C-alpha atoms as a PDB file:
ATOM      1  CA  UNK A   1      50.565  -6.507  80.904  1.00  0.00           C
ATOM      2  CA  UNK A   2      51.788  -5.948  84.630  1.00  0.00           C
ATOM      3  CA  UNK A   3      54.945  -4.390  85.614  1.00  0.00           C
ATOM      4  CA  UNK A   4      57.462  -6.835  87.178  1.00  0.00           C
ATOM      5  CA  UNK A   5      57.953  -7.667  90.772  1.00  0.00           C
ATOM      6  CA  UNK A   6      58.861  -4.830  92.799  1.00  0.00           C
ATOM      7  CA  UNK A   7      57.569  -1.653  90.772  1.00  0.00           C
ATOM      8  CA  UNK A   8      54.474   0.274  92.787  1.00  0.00           C
ATOM      9  CA  UNK A   9      53.480   1.708  90.122  1.00  0.00           C
ATOM     10  CA  UNK A  10      50.081   0.499  88.053  1.00  0.00           C
ATOM     11  CA  UNK A  11      51.449   2.496  84.529  1.00  0.00           C
ATOM     12  CA  UNK A  12      54.751   3.464  83.050  1.00  0.00           C
ATOM     13  CA  UNK A  13      55.258   6.785  82.587  1.00  0.00           C
ATOM     14  CA  UNK A  14      53.523   8.724  78.880  1.00  0.00           C
ATOM     15  CA  UNK A  15      56.726   9.666  78.049  1.00  0.00           C
ATOM     16  CA  UNK A  16      58.510   6.697  78.450  1.00  0.00           C
ATOM     17  CA  UNK A  17      56.021   5.107  76.645  1.00  0.00           C
ATOM     18  CA  UNK A  18      56.272   8.058  74.021  1.00  0.00           C
ATOM     19  CA  UNK A  19      60.300   7.507  73.446  1.00  0.00           C
ATOM     20  CA  UNK A  20      60.068   3.919  72.802  1.00  0.00           C
ATOM     21  CA  UNK A  21      57.386   4.499  69.954  1.00  0.00           C
ATOM     22  CA  UNK A  22      59.177   7.430  68.101  1.00  0.00           C
ATOM     23  CA  UNK A  23      62.444   5.264  68.209  1.00  0.00           C
ATOM     24  CA  UNK A  24      60.500   2.346  66.567  1.00  0.00           C
ATOM     25  CA  UNK A  25      58.920   3.921  64.169  1.00  0.00           C
ATOM     26  CA  UNK A  26      62.510   5.977  63.388  1.00  0.00           C
ATOM     27  CA  UNK A  27      64.227   2.176  63.149  1.00  0.00           C
ATOM     28  CA  UNK A  28      61.047   1.320  60.673  1.00  0.00           C
ATOM     29  CA  UNK A  29      61.949   4.172  57.967  1.00  0.00           C
ATOM     30  CA  UNK A  30      65.671   3.421  58.398  1.00  0.00           C
ATOM     31  CA  UNK A  31      66.318   0.317  56.394  1.00  0.00           C
ATOM     32  CA  UNK A  32      63.856  -1.239  53.096  1.00  0.00           C
ATOM     33  CA  UNK A  33      63.952  -4.504  55.332  1.00  0.00           C
ATOM     34  CA  UNK A  34      62.334  -2.695  58.606  1.00  0.00           C
ATOM     35  CA  UNK A  35      60.057  -0.966  56.766  1.00  0.00           C
ATOM     36  CA  UNK A  36      58.425  -4.429  54.845  1.00  0.00           C
ATOM     37  CA  UNK A  37      57.816  -6.144  58.158  1.00  0.00           C
ATOM     38  CA  UNK A  38      54.100  -6.460  58.454  1.00  0.00           C
ATOM     39  CA  UNK A  39      52.558  -3.826  60.542  1.00  0.00           C
ATOM     40  CA  UNK A  40      50.856  -6.838  63.288  1.00  0.00           C
ATOM     41  CA  UNK A  41      54.312  -8.326  63.666  1.00  0.00           C
ATOM     42  CA  UNK A  42      56.028  -4.287  64.393  1.00  0.00           C
ATOM     43  CA  UNK A  43      53.449  -3.986  66.994  1.00  0.00           C
ATOM     44  CA  UNK A  44      54.238  -7.501  68.589  1.00  0.00           C
ATOM     45  CA  UNK A  45      57.675  -7.608  68.053  1.00  0.00           C
ATOM     46  CA  UNK A  46      59.672  -4.717  67.233  1.00  0.00           C
ATOM     47  CA  UNK A  47      57.771  -2.043  69.713  1.00  0.00           C
ATOM     48  CA  UNK A  48      56.839  -3.586  72.537  1.00  0.00           C
ATOM     49  CA  UNK A  49      59.275  -1.976  75.758  1.00  0.00           C
ATOM     50  CA  UNK A  50      60.129  -5.347  77.517  1.00  0.00           C
ATOM     51  CA  UNK A  51      60.373  -9.300  77.204  1.00  0.00           C
ATOM     52  CA  UNK A  52      59.524 -10.908  80.442  1.00  0.00           C
ATOM     53  CA  UNK A  53      59.443  -9.661  84.242  1.00  0.00           C
ATOM     54  CA  UNK A  54      62.669  -7.473  83.486  1.00  0.00           C
ATOM     55  CA  UNK A  55      63.011  -4.260  85.460  1.00  0.00           C
ATOM     56  CA  UNK A  56      61.645  -1.223  82.725  1.00  0.00           C
ATOM     57  CA  UNK A  57      64.683   1.172  81.290  1.00  0.00           C
ATOM     58  CA  UNK A  58      65.456   3.251  78.803  1.00  0.00           C
ATOM     59  CA  UNK A  59      67.221   0.744  76.305  1.00  0.00           C
ATOM     60  CA  UNK A  60      65.711   1.604  72.773  1.00  0.00           C
ATOM     61  CA  UNK A  61      67.808   4.962  72.859  1.00  0.00           C
ATOM     62  CA  UNK A  62      70.879   3.694  74.072  1.00  0.00           C
ATOM     63  CA  UNK A  63      71.245   0.471  71.937  1.00  0.00           C
ATOM     64  CA  UNK A  64      69.893   2.286  68.594  1.00  0.00           C
ATOM     65  CA  UNK A  65      72.555   4.963  68.425  1.00  0.00           C
ATOM     66  CA  UNK A  66      75.121   2.009  69.234  1.00  0.00           C
ATOM     67  CA  UNK A  67      73.537   0.061  66.402  1.00  0.00           C
ATOM     68  CA  UNK A  68      72.390   1.943  63.700  1.00  0.00           C
ATOM     69  CA  UNK A  69      75.417   2.323  61.622  1.00  0.00           C
ATOM     70  CA  UNK A  70      76.328  -1.171  62.193  1.00  0.00           C
ATOM     71  CA  UNK A  71      73.222  -2.220  60.473  1.00  0.00           C
ATOM     72  CA  UNK A  72      72.731   1.024  57.895  1.00  0.00           C
ATOM     73  CA  UNK A  73      73.756  -1.080  54.878  1.00  0.00           C
ATOM     74  CA  UNK A  74      72.351  -4.813  55.751  1.00  0.00           C
ATOM     75  CA  UNK A  75      70.731  -6.280  52.789  1.00  0.00           C
ATOM     76  CA  UNK A  76      67.938  -7.982  55.018  1.00  0.00           C
ATOM     77  CA  UNK A  77      66.612  -8.961  58.283  1.00  0.00           C
ATOM     78  CA  UNK A  78      69.019 -11.803  58.840  1.00  0.00           C
ATOM     79  CA  UNK A  79      71.866 -10.080  57.898  1.00  0.00           C
ATOM     80  CA  UNK A  80      71.277  -7.397  60.304  1.00  0.00           C
ATOM     81  CA  UNK A  81      70.239 -10.105  63.071  1.00  0.00           C
ATOM     82  CA  UNK A  82      73.923 -11.482  62.373  1.00  0.00           C
ATOM     83  CA  UNK A  83      75.880  -8.339  62.580  1.00  0.00           C
ATOM     84  CA  UNK A  84      73.646  -7.519  65.948  1.00  0.00           C
ATOM     85  CA  UNK A  85      74.202 -10.544  67.328  1.00  0.00           C
ATOM     86  CA  UNK A  86      78.287 -11.097  66.115  1.00  0.00           C
ATOM     87  CA  UNK A  87      78.757  -6.921  67.243  1.00  0.00           C
ATOM     88  CA  UNK A  88      76.775  -5.805  70.254  1.00  0.00           C
ATOM     89  CA  UNK A  89      78.541  -7.542  73.090  1.00  0.00           C
ATOM     90  CA  UNK A  90      82.084  -5.883  72.350  1.00  0.00           C
ATOM     91  CA  UNK A  91      80.659  -2.545  72.428  1.00  0.00           C
ATOM     92  CA  UNK A  92      80.435  -3.122  76.524  1.00  0.00           C
ATOM     93  CA  UNK A  93      82.253  -6.459  76.994  1.00  0.00           C
ATOM     94  CA  UNK A  94      79.705  -8.145  77.428  1.00  0.00           C
ATOM     95  CA  UNK A  95      79.828 -11.974  78.570  1.00  0.00           C
ATOM     96  CA  UNK A  96      78.027 -14.993  80.084  1.00  0.00           C
ATOM     97  CA  UNK A  97      77.861 -15.603  83.510  1.00  0.00           C
ATOM     98  CA  UNK A  98      75.898 -18.384  84.665  1.00  0.00           C
ATOM     99  CA  UNK A  99      73.277 -17.945  87.438  1.00  0.00           C
ATOM    100  CA  UNK A 100      72.593 -14.261  87.468  1.00  0.00           C
ATOM    101  CA  UNK A 101      69.276 -14.139  86.880  1.00  0.00           C
ATOM    102  CA  UNK A 102      66.629 -12.416  87.964  1.00  0.00           C
ATOM    103  CA  UNK A 103      69.674  -9.649  89.808  1.00  0.00           C
ATOM    104  CA  UNK A 104      70.779  -9.069  86.215  1.00  0.00           C
ATOM    105  CA  UNK A 105      67.928  -9.036  83.272  1.00  0.00           C
ATOM    106  CA  UNK A 106      67.370  -5.661  81.884  1.00  0.00           C
ATOM    107  CA  UNK A 107      69.668  -4.154  79.419  1.00  0.00           C
ATOM    108  CA  UNK A 108      70.989  -1.346  81.811  1.00  0.00           C
ATOM    109  CA  UNK A 109      71.461  -3.491  84.456  1.00  0.00           C
ATOM    110  CA  UNK A 110      73.576  -6.024  82.031  1.00  0.00           C
ATOM    111  CA  UNK A 111      75.897  -3.205  80.673  1.00  0.00           C
ATOM    112  CA  UNK A 112      76.784  -2.317  84.275  1.00  0.00           C
ATOM    113  CA  UNK A 113      77.792  -5.422  85.033  1.00  0.00           C
ATOM    114  CA  UNK A 114      79.148  -6.590  82.221  1.00  0.00           C
ATOM    115  CA  UNK A 115      77.381  -9.639  82.513  1.00  0.00           C
ATOM    116  CA  UNK A 116      74.601 -11.775  82.210  1.00  0.00           C
ATOM    117  CA  UNK A 117      73.107 -15.428  82.270  1.00  0.00           C
ATOM    118  CA  UNK A 118      71.305 -16.840  79.431  1.00  0.00           C
ATOM    119  CA  UNK A 119      68.243 -15.136  80.598  1.00  0.00           C
ATOM    120  CA  UNK A 120      69.780 -11.560  80.488  1.00  0.00           C
ATOM    121  CA  UNK A 121      71.599 -11.664  77.352  1.00  0.00           C
ATOM    122  CA  UNK A 122      68.651 -13.109  75.555  1.00  0.00           C
ATOM    123  CA  UNK A 123      66.763  -9.828  76.864  1.00  0.00           C
ATOM    124  CA  UNK A 124      69.609  -7.711  75.722  1.00  0.00           C
ATOM    125  CA  UNK A 125      69.853  -9.189  72.322  1.00  0.00           C
ATOM    126  CA  UNK A 126      65.887  -8.967  71.930  1.00  0.00           C
ATOM    127  CA  UNK A 127      65.690  -5.512  72.580  1.00  0.00           C
ATOM    128  CA  UNK A 128      69.073  -4.751  70.331  1.00  0.00           C
ATOM    129  CA  UNK A 129      67.385  -6.178  67.835  1.00  0.00           C
ATOM    130  CA  UNK A 130      64.182  -4.263  68.398  1.00  0.00           C
ATOM    131  CA  UNK A 131      66.393  -0.951  68.790  1.00  0.00           C
ATOM    132  CA  UNK A 132      67.212  -1.161  64.473  1.00  0.00           C
ATOM    133  CA  UNK A 133      63.959  -2.899  64.156  1.00  0.00           C
ATOM    134  CA  UNK A 134      63.907  -6.548  63.507  1.00  0.00           C
ATOM    135  CA  UNK A 135      61.412  -8.157  64.795  1.00  0.00           C
ATOM    136  CA  UNK A 136      62.390 -10.416  67.820  1.00  0.00           C
ATOM    137  CA  UNK A 137      61.620 -12.546  70.485  1.00  0.00           C
ATOM    138  CA  UNK A 138      62.775 -14.372  73.760  1.00  0.00           C
ATOM    139  CA  UNK A 139      62.526 -18.127  73.756  1.00  0.00           C
ATOM    140  CA  UNK A 140      63.097 -20.706  76.473  1.00  0.00           C
ATOM    141  CA  UNK A 141      62.620 -24.163  78.348  1.00  0.00           C
ATOM    142  CA  UNK A 142      62.178 -24.282  82.035  1.00  0.00           C
ATOM    143  CA  UNK A 143      64.014 -27.671  81.991  1.00  0.00           C
ATOM    144  CA  UNK A 144      65.871 -29.932  79.772  1.00  0.00           C
ATOM    145  CA  UNK A 145      64.078 -33.326  79.506  1.00  0.00           C
ATOM    146  CA  UNK A 146      67.231 -34.877  78.416  1.00  0.00           C
ATOM    147  CA  UNK A 147      70.594 -33.805  78.707  1.00  0.00           C
ATOM    148  CA  UNK A 148      74.126 -33.868  79.069  1.00  0.00           C
ATOM    149  CA  UNK A 149      74.526 -32.768  83.231  1.00  0.00           C
ATOM    150  CA  UNK A 150      77.865 -32.344  82.306  1.00  0.00           C
ATOM    151  CA  UNK A 151      77.380 -29.288  79.788  1.00  0.00           C
ATOM    152  CA  UNK A 152      73.919 -27.889  80.394  1.00  0.00           C
ATOM    153  CA  UNK A 153      71.242 -28.299  83.053  1.00  0.00           C
ATOM    154  CA  UNK A 154      68.207 -26.360  84.619  1.00  0.00           C
ATOM    155  CA  UNK A 155      66.527 -23.887  82.362  1.00  0.00           C
ATOM    156  CA  UNK A 156      67.302 -22.177  79.231  1.00  0.00           C
ATOM    157  CA  UNK A 157      66.414 -19.250  77.136  1.00  0.00           C
ATOM    158  CA  UNK A 158      67.071 -17.899  73.799  1.00  0.00           C
ATOM    159  CA  UNK A 159      66.368 -15.880  71.358  1.00  0.00           C
ATOM    160  CA  UNK A 160      64.492 -15.965  67.891  1.00  0.00           C
ATOM    161  CA  UNK A 161      64.829 -13.617  65.241  1.00  0.00           C
ATOM    162  CA  UNK A 162      61.905 -12.839  61.672  1.00  0.00           C
ATOM    163  CA  UNK A 163      63.991 -13.223  59.227  1.00  0.00           C
ATOM    164  CA  UNK A 164      61.648 -12.510  56.190  1.00  0.00           C
ATOM    165  CA  UNK A 165      59.899 -15.520  55.916  1.00  0.00           C
ATOM    166  CA  UNK A 166      59.726 -16.834  59.333  1.00  0.00           C
ATOM    167  CA  UNK A 167      61.113 -17.303  62.908  1.00  0.00           C
ATOM    168  CA  UNK A 168      64.839 -18.285  63.387  1.00  0.00           C
ATOM    169  CA  UNK A 169      66.270 -18.961  66.372  1.00  0.00           C
ATOM    170  CA  UNK A 170      70.203 -17.795  67.824  1.00  0.00           C
ATOM    171  CA  UNK A 171      72.009 -18.247  70.836  1.00  0.00           C
ATOM    172  CA  UNK A 172      72.472 -14.743  72.755  1.00  0.00           C
ATOM    173  CA  UNK A 173      75.942 -13.924  72.491  1.00  0.00           C
ATOM    174  CA  UNK A 174      76.530 -17.321  70.344  1.00  0.00           C
ATOM    175  CA  UNK A 175      76.827 -15.691  66.618  1.00  0.00           C
ATOM    176  CA  UNK A 176      78.100 -18.209  64.433  1.00  0.00           C
ATOM    177  CA  UNK A 177      79.744 -17.115  60.767  1.00  0.00           C
ATOM    178  CA  UNK A 178      77.637 -19.751  58.932  1.00  0.00           C
ATOM    179  CA  UNK A 179      74.205 -18.415  59.750  1.00  0.00           C
ATOM    180  CA  UNK A 180      71.365 -18.249  62.171  1.00  0.00           C
ATOM    181  CA  UNK A 181      69.748 -21.410  63.110  1.00  0.00           C
ATOM    182  CA  UNK A 182      73.048 -22.637  64.368  1.00  0.00           C
ATOM    183  CA  UNK A 183      73.188 -23.629  68.626  1.00  0.00           C
ATOM    184  CA  UNK A 184      74.366 -26.382  70.854  1.00  0.00           C
ATOM    185  CA  UNK A 185      70.990 -27.276  71.618  1.00  0.00           C
ATOM    186  CA  UNK A 186      69.846 -27.809  67.988  1.00  0.00           C
ATOM    187  CA  UNK A 187      69.132 -30.797  67.528  1.00  0.00           C
ATOM    188  CA  UNK A 188      69.684 -32.256  70.537  1.00  0.00           C
ATOM    189  CA  UNK A 189      68.747 -31.892  73.556  1.00  0.00           C
ATOM    190  CA  UNK A 190      66.157 -29.547  72.030  1.00  0.00           C
ATOM    191  CA  UNK A 191      64.149 -32.828  70.001  1.00  0.00           C
ATOM    192  CA  UNK A 192      63.534 -34.557  73.383  1.00  0.00           C
ATOM    193  CA  UNK A 193      60.843 -31.359  74.628  1.00  0.00           C
ATOM    194  CA  UNK A 194      57.337 -32.122  75.321  1.00  0.00           C
ATOM    195  CA  UNK A 195      54.712 -29.909  73.448  1.00  0.00           C
ATOM    196  CA  UNK A 196      52.296 -28.898  76.488  1.00  0.00           C
ATOM    197  CA  UNK A 197      54.592 -29.502  78.995  1.00  0.00           C
ATOM    198  CA  UNK A 198      54.498 -26.992  81.649  1.00  0.00           C
ATOM    199  CA  UNK A 199      58.155 -27.949  82.503  1.00  0.00           C
ATOM    200  CA  UNK A 200      59.328 -29.359  79.155  1.00  0.00           C
ATOM    201  CA  UNK A 201      58.023 -27.257  76.023  1.00  0.00           C
ATOM    202  CA  UNK A 202      59.486 -24.658  74.890  1.00  0.00           C
ATOM    203  CA  UNK A 203      58.158 -21.052  75.037  1.00  0.00           C
ATOM    204  CA  UNK A 204      58.415 -18.049  72.866  1.00  0.00           C
ATOM    205  CA  UNK A 205      57.760 -14.965  75.028  1.00  0.00           C
ATOM    206  CA  UNK A 206      54.673 -12.695  73.680  1.00  0.00           C
ATOM    207  CA  UNK A 207      53.543  -9.204  74.484  1.00  0.00           C
ATOM    208  CA  UNK A 208      49.757  -9.689  72.838  1.00  0.00           C
ATOM    209  CA  UNK A 209      48.404 -13.053  74.280  1.00  0.00           C
ATOM    210  CA  UNK A 210      47.902 -15.420  70.796  1.00  0.00           C
ATOM    211  CA  UNK A 211      45.102 -16.519  69.550  1.00  0.00           C
ATOM    212  CA  UNK A 212      46.683 -19.675  68.023  1.00  0.00           C
ATOM    213  CA  UNK A 213      48.415 -22.054  71.299  1.00  0.00           C
ATOM    214  CA  UNK A 214      48.268 -19.457  73.919  1.00  0.00           C
ATOM    215  CA  UNK A 215      49.573 -20.252  77.016  1.00  0.00           C
ATOM    216  CA  UNK A 216      51.875 -18.230  79.565  1.00  0.00           C
ATOM    217  CA  UNK A 217      55.916 -18.035  79.853  1.00  0.00           C
ATOM    218  CA  UNK A 218      57.013 -19.868  82.910  1.00  0.00           C
ATOM    219  CA  UNK A 219      59.423 -18.181  84.983  1.00  0.00           C
ATOM    220  CA  UNK A 220      62.457 -20.087  86.223  1.00  0.00           C
ATOM    221  CA  UNK A 221      63.037 -17.689  88.364  1.00  0.00           C
ATOM    222  CA  UNK A 222      59.726 -16.721  89.825  1.00  0.00           C
ATOM    223  CA  UNK A 223      56.053 -17.922  90.314  1.00  0.00           C
ATOM    224  CA  UNK A 224      54.872 -14.482  88.104  1.00  0.00           C
ATOM    225  CA  UNK A 225      52.724 -15.907  86.204  1.00  0.00           C
ATOM    226  CA  UNK A 226      51.936 -12.758  83.616  1.00  0.00           C
ATOM    227  CA  UNK A 227      53.969 -12.823  80.269  1.00  0.00           C
ATOM    228  CA  UNK A 228      52.031 -14.377  77.134  1.00  0.00           C
ATOM    229  CA  UNK A 229      53.717 -16.940  75.248  1.00  0.00           C
ATOM    230  CA  UNK A 230      53.071 -19.587  72.697  1.00  0.00           C
ATOM    231  CA  UNK A 231      54.188 -23.238  72.637  1.00  0.00           C
ATOM    232  CA  UNK A 232      56.556 -23.768  69.785  1.00  0.00           C
ATOM    233  CA  UNK A 233      57.738 -26.808  71.069  1.00  0.00           C
ATOM    234  CA  UNK A 234      57.343 -28.630  67.368  1.00  0.00           C
ATOM    235  CA  UNK A 235      59.426 -26.271  65.742  1.00  0.00           C
ATOM    236  CA  UNK A 236      62.196 -27.324  67.579  1.00  0.00           C
ATOM    237  CA  UNK A 237      60.945 -31.244  67.677  1.00  0.00           C
ATOM    238  CA  UNK A 238      60.635 -31.456  63.778  1.00  0.00           C
ATOM    239  CA  UNK A 239      63.234 -32.808  62.414  1.00  0.00           C
ATOM    240  CA  UNK A 240      64.566 -31.856  58.866  1.00  0.00           C
ATOM    241  CA  UNK A 241      65.997 -35.307  56.859  1.00  0.00           C
ATOM    242  CA  UNK A 242      70.406 -35.126  58.217  1.00  0.00           C
ATOM    243  CA  UNK A 243      69.238 -33.046  60.896  1.00  0.00           C
ATOM    244  CA  UNK A 244      71.925 -34.502  63.405  1.00  0.00           C
ATOM    245  CA  UNK A 245      74.328 -31.948  62.537  1.00  0.00           C
ATOM    246  CA  UNK A 246      73.042 -29.371  64.370  1.00  0.00           C
ATOM    247  CA  UNK A 247      71.784 -27.540  61.597  1.00  0.00           C
ATOM    248  CA  UNK A 248      68.536 -28.382  61.606  1.00  0.00           C
ATOM    249  CA  UNK A 249      66.635 -25.077  60.396  1.00  0.00           C
ATOM    250  CA  UNK A 250      62.519 -24.445  61.754  1.00  0.00           C
ATOM    251  CA  UNK A 251      61.053 -22.064  60.821  1.00  0.00           C
ATOM    252  CA  UNK A 252      56.924 -20.827  61.328  1.00  0.00           C
ATOM    253  CA  UNK A 253      54.965 -18.200  59.481  1.00  0.00           C
ATOM    254  CA  UNK A 254      53.265 -15.399  60.811  1.00  0.00           C
ATOM    255  CA  UNK A 255      49.319 -15.856  60.432  1.00  0.00           C
ATOM    256  CA  UNK A 256      47.283 -12.705  58.931  1.00  0.00           C
ATOM    257  CA  UNK A 257      46.035 -12.228  62.177  1.00  0.00           C
ATOM    258  CA  UNK A 258      49.724 -11.557  63.731  1.00  0.00           C
ATOM    259  CA  UNK A 259      49.939 -14.070  65.993  1.00  0.00           C
ATOM    260  CA  UNK A 260      52.099 -16.870  65.481  1.00  0.00           C
ATOM    261  CA  UNK A 261      51.162 -20.593  65.066  1.00  0.00           C
ATOM    262  CA  UNK A 262      53.149 -23.625  65.200  1.00  0.00           C
ATOM    263  CA  UNK A 263      55.882 -25.086  63.084  1.00  0.00           C
ATOM    264  CA  UNK A 264      54.493 -25.491  59.948  1.00  0.00           C
ATOM    265  CA  UNK A 265      57.651 -25.840  57.926  1.00  0.00           C
ATOM    266  CA  UNK A 266      61.201 -27.478  58.161  1.00  0.00           C
ATOM    267  CA  UNK A 267      64.162 -26.580  55.754  1.00  0.00           C
END
């Protein structure tokens, strides 16, 4: 993948990439739930060193050292992800502050500032999860189609984690003791988004272009068009019976070739 804007080098240093590989494999071997992640999914959503166009930095050793013991006795991927989202922010006293992208995006930038907007926090949570072997990816929409302007406007990014059977969503720094798939944006305003729309769809960032529903992640802060993605709007617009209580839970499974299809299940 091309480097973020402003970085002159054509490639990343080999030793930087090797450290990511070594620590990702170390995390995979550290827990049964991490070792059980299918290899194609590990390559797509644990091993990668970046999510969007954030500056590349040495986040993996730092985050792994801080979080490995906190998830060591977790019983599942979902439980481990919940612990990460509950605990990681307090380690460095990181808080939400709007309109910080693209100035504060990478984990090192977020730690130094002590805050970030939804994009920086989402990248941080994805990297924190990956550091301990949890598959994770940034998800977002360039613009809500229908929203209460007093509460939300513009773009929004959040996180999906692989819970062992499908992708589950969570807001970065929005831990809920009730579990994953609880948020302020589901069912509304996510239910109104439009599949296939560059402005109003919901996209999941990828490292490798998808074989199904392949597209590019729209960066609301940049014209850069080099982040592979897939349109996952249907996961969020599909409704379970009685989904109006904001506990709608959508999950989509990985295909055998390592790509990820549209929502096939709502529970």
